[in-house]
Protein backbone atom coordinates (compact mmCIF):
# COMPACT_ATOMS: atom_id res chain seq x y z
CA UNK A 1 -25.53 -53.96 -23.59
CA UNK A 2 -24.04 -56.82 -21.56
CA UNK A 3 -21.29 -59.08 -22.84
CA UNK A 4 -21.41 -62.88 -22.49
CA UNK A 5 -18.89 -62.78 -19.63
CA UNK A 6 -21.05 -60.32 -17.66
CA UNK A 7 -23.95 -62.78 -17.44
CA UNK A 8 -21.76 -65.66 -16.26
CA UNK A 9 -21.64 -67.06 -12.78
CA UNK A 10 -18.83 -65.21 -10.95
CA UNK A 11 -17.22 -68.59 -10.15
CA UNK A 12 -16.55 -69.09 -13.88
CA UNK A 13 -14.33 -67.21 -16.30
CA UNK A 14 -14.40 -66.96 -20.09
CA UNK A 15 -10.79 -66.50 -21.21
CA UNK A 16 -11.55 -65.59 -24.83
CA UNK A 17 -14.76 -64.81 -26.70
CA UNK A 18 -13.96 -67.67 -29.14
CA UNK A 19 -13.74 -70.29 -26.38
CA UNK A 20 -16.32 -73.04 -26.05
CA UNK A 21 -15.21 -73.84 -22.50
CA UNK A 22 -15.30 -71.92 -19.23
CA UNK A 23 -12.81 -72.15 -16.38
CA UNK A 24 -13.76 -72.77 -12.75
CA UNK A 25 -12.32 -70.09 -10.43
CA UNK A 26 -12.91 -72.30 -7.39
CA UNK A 27 -13.82 -75.89 -6.58
CA UNK A 28 -17.44 -76.52 -7.58
CA UNK A 29 -19.20 -79.49 -5.99
CA UNK A 30 -21.46 -81.88 -7.88
CA UNK A 31 -25.03 -80.62 -7.68
CA UNK A 32 -24.00 -76.95 -7.77
CA UNK A 33 -26.04 -74.83 -10.18
CA UNK A 34 -24.03 -72.31 -12.20
CA UNK A 35 -25.28 -69.42 -14.32
CA UNK A 36 -24.31 -69.66 -17.98
CA UNK A 37 -24.79 -67.14 -20.77
CA UNK A 38 -28.17 -65.96 -21.95
CA UNK A 39 -29.90 -66.70 -18.67
CA UNK A 40 -29.18 -70.42 -18.99
CA UNK A 41 -28.02 -72.44 -16.03
CA UNK A 42 -26.60 -75.90 -15.51
CA UNK A 43 -26.46 -78.20 -12.52
CA UNK A 44 -23.04 -79.80 -12.39
CA UNK A 45 -23.20 -83.60 -12.62
CA UNK A 46 -19.73 -84.01 -11.02
CA UNK A 47 -17.17 -82.01 -9.06
CA UNK A 48 -15.21 -79.45 -11.07
CA UNK A 49 -11.77 -78.65 -9.69
CA UNK A 50 -10.19 -75.21 -9.52
CA UNK A 51 -8.89 -74.31 -12.98
CA UNK A 52 -10.76 -77.13 -14.72
CA UNK A 53 -12.84 -76.64 -17.83
CA UNK A 54 -16.56 -77.02 -18.33
CA UNK A 55 -18.58 -76.73 -21.50
CA UNK A 56 -19.84 -73.23 -22.28
CA UNK A 57 -22.66 -74.83 -24.31
CA UNK A 58 -23.41 -78.28 -25.74
CA UNK A 59 -20.48 -79.54 -27.84
CA UNK A 60 -20.62 -82.52 -30.22
CA UNK A 61 -18.26 -85.49 -30.17
CA UNK A 62 -15.24 -84.85 -32.37
CA UNK A 63 -15.46 -81.07 -32.08
CA UNK A 64 -12.39 -79.05 -31.12
CA UNK A 65 -12.22 -77.46 -27.68
CA UNK A 66 -10.93 -73.90 -27.62
CA UNK A 67 -9.24 -72.29 -24.60
CA UNK A 68 -7.58 -68.84 -24.86
CA UNK A 69 -8.95 -68.85 -28.42
CA UNK A 70 -6.70 -71.78 -29.37
CA UNK A 71 -7.53 -75.42 -30.04
CA UNK A 72 -6.44 -77.61 -27.13
CA UNK A 73 -8.02 -80.91 -28.14
CA UNK A 74 -10.96 -82.87 -29.51
CA UNK A 75 -13.88 -84.29 -27.56
CA UNK A 76 -14.28 -88.07 -27.60
CA UNK A 77 -17.95 -87.80 -26.64
CA UNK A 78 -20.64 -85.14 -26.79
CA UNK A 79 -20.96 -82.94 -23.70
CA UNK A 80 -23.80 -80.80 -22.42
CA UNK A 81 -23.52 -77.22 -21.19
CA UNK A 82 -21.82 -77.21 -17.79
CA UNK A 83 -20.28 -80.65 -18.20
CA UNK A 84 -16.68 -81.22 -17.10
CA UNK A 85 -14.10 -81.29 -19.91
CA UNK A 86 -10.88 -83.06 -18.98
CA UNK A 87 -8.77 -86.11 -19.89
CA UNK A 88 -11.74 -88.48 -19.41
CA UNK A 89 -13.47 -87.01 -22.49
CA UNK A 90 -10.85 -84.87 -24.26
CA UNK A 91 -7.91 -85.96 -26.41
CA UNK A 92 -5.06 -83.49 -26.72
CA UNK A 93 -4.29 -82.55 -30.31
CA UNK A 94 -0.66 -81.94 -29.37
CA UNK A 95 0.50 -84.39 -26.73
CA UNK A 96 -0.51 -87.93 -25.83
CA UNK A 97 -3.25 -88.13 -23.22
CA UNK A 98 -2.51 -90.66 -20.53
CA UNK A 99 -5.07 -91.78 -18.02
CA UNK A 100 -4.86 -94.55 -15.47
CA UNK A 101 -7.70 -96.82 -14.55
CA UNK A 102 -8.40 -97.24 -10.86
CA UNK A 103 -5.69 -99.39 -9.27
CA UNK A 104 -3.14 -98.83 -12.05
CA UNK A 105 0.17 -97.06 -11.45
CA UNK A 106 2.44 -95.28 -13.88
CA UNK A 107 5.98 -96.57 -14.24
CA UNK A 108 8.12 -94.07 -16.10
CA UNK A 109 11.68 -93.99 -17.24
CA UNK A 110 14.20 -91.51 -15.88
């Protein structure tokens, strides 16, 4: 019998069986098709950087994202299987999430 991780694309890793996200083991370009569990596949709509998360399956807006079996945040919008999960659509449940719009710069305090 195969486990879910055995049917995954070798460029992806499932860190814990409870996780609803997968981790990219290398840079994956937009348009790349990756093999997901159960014989499903997804064509990536955008680049996924090394170490970045993508949805293991469709996840609804407001649902918690689990990585290493632990909650890391909540999705602001629904995502489809294979879609990038990062600060553009995920709010951390533990620390503020800061994003900058194009052209903005961060000015911090020392």
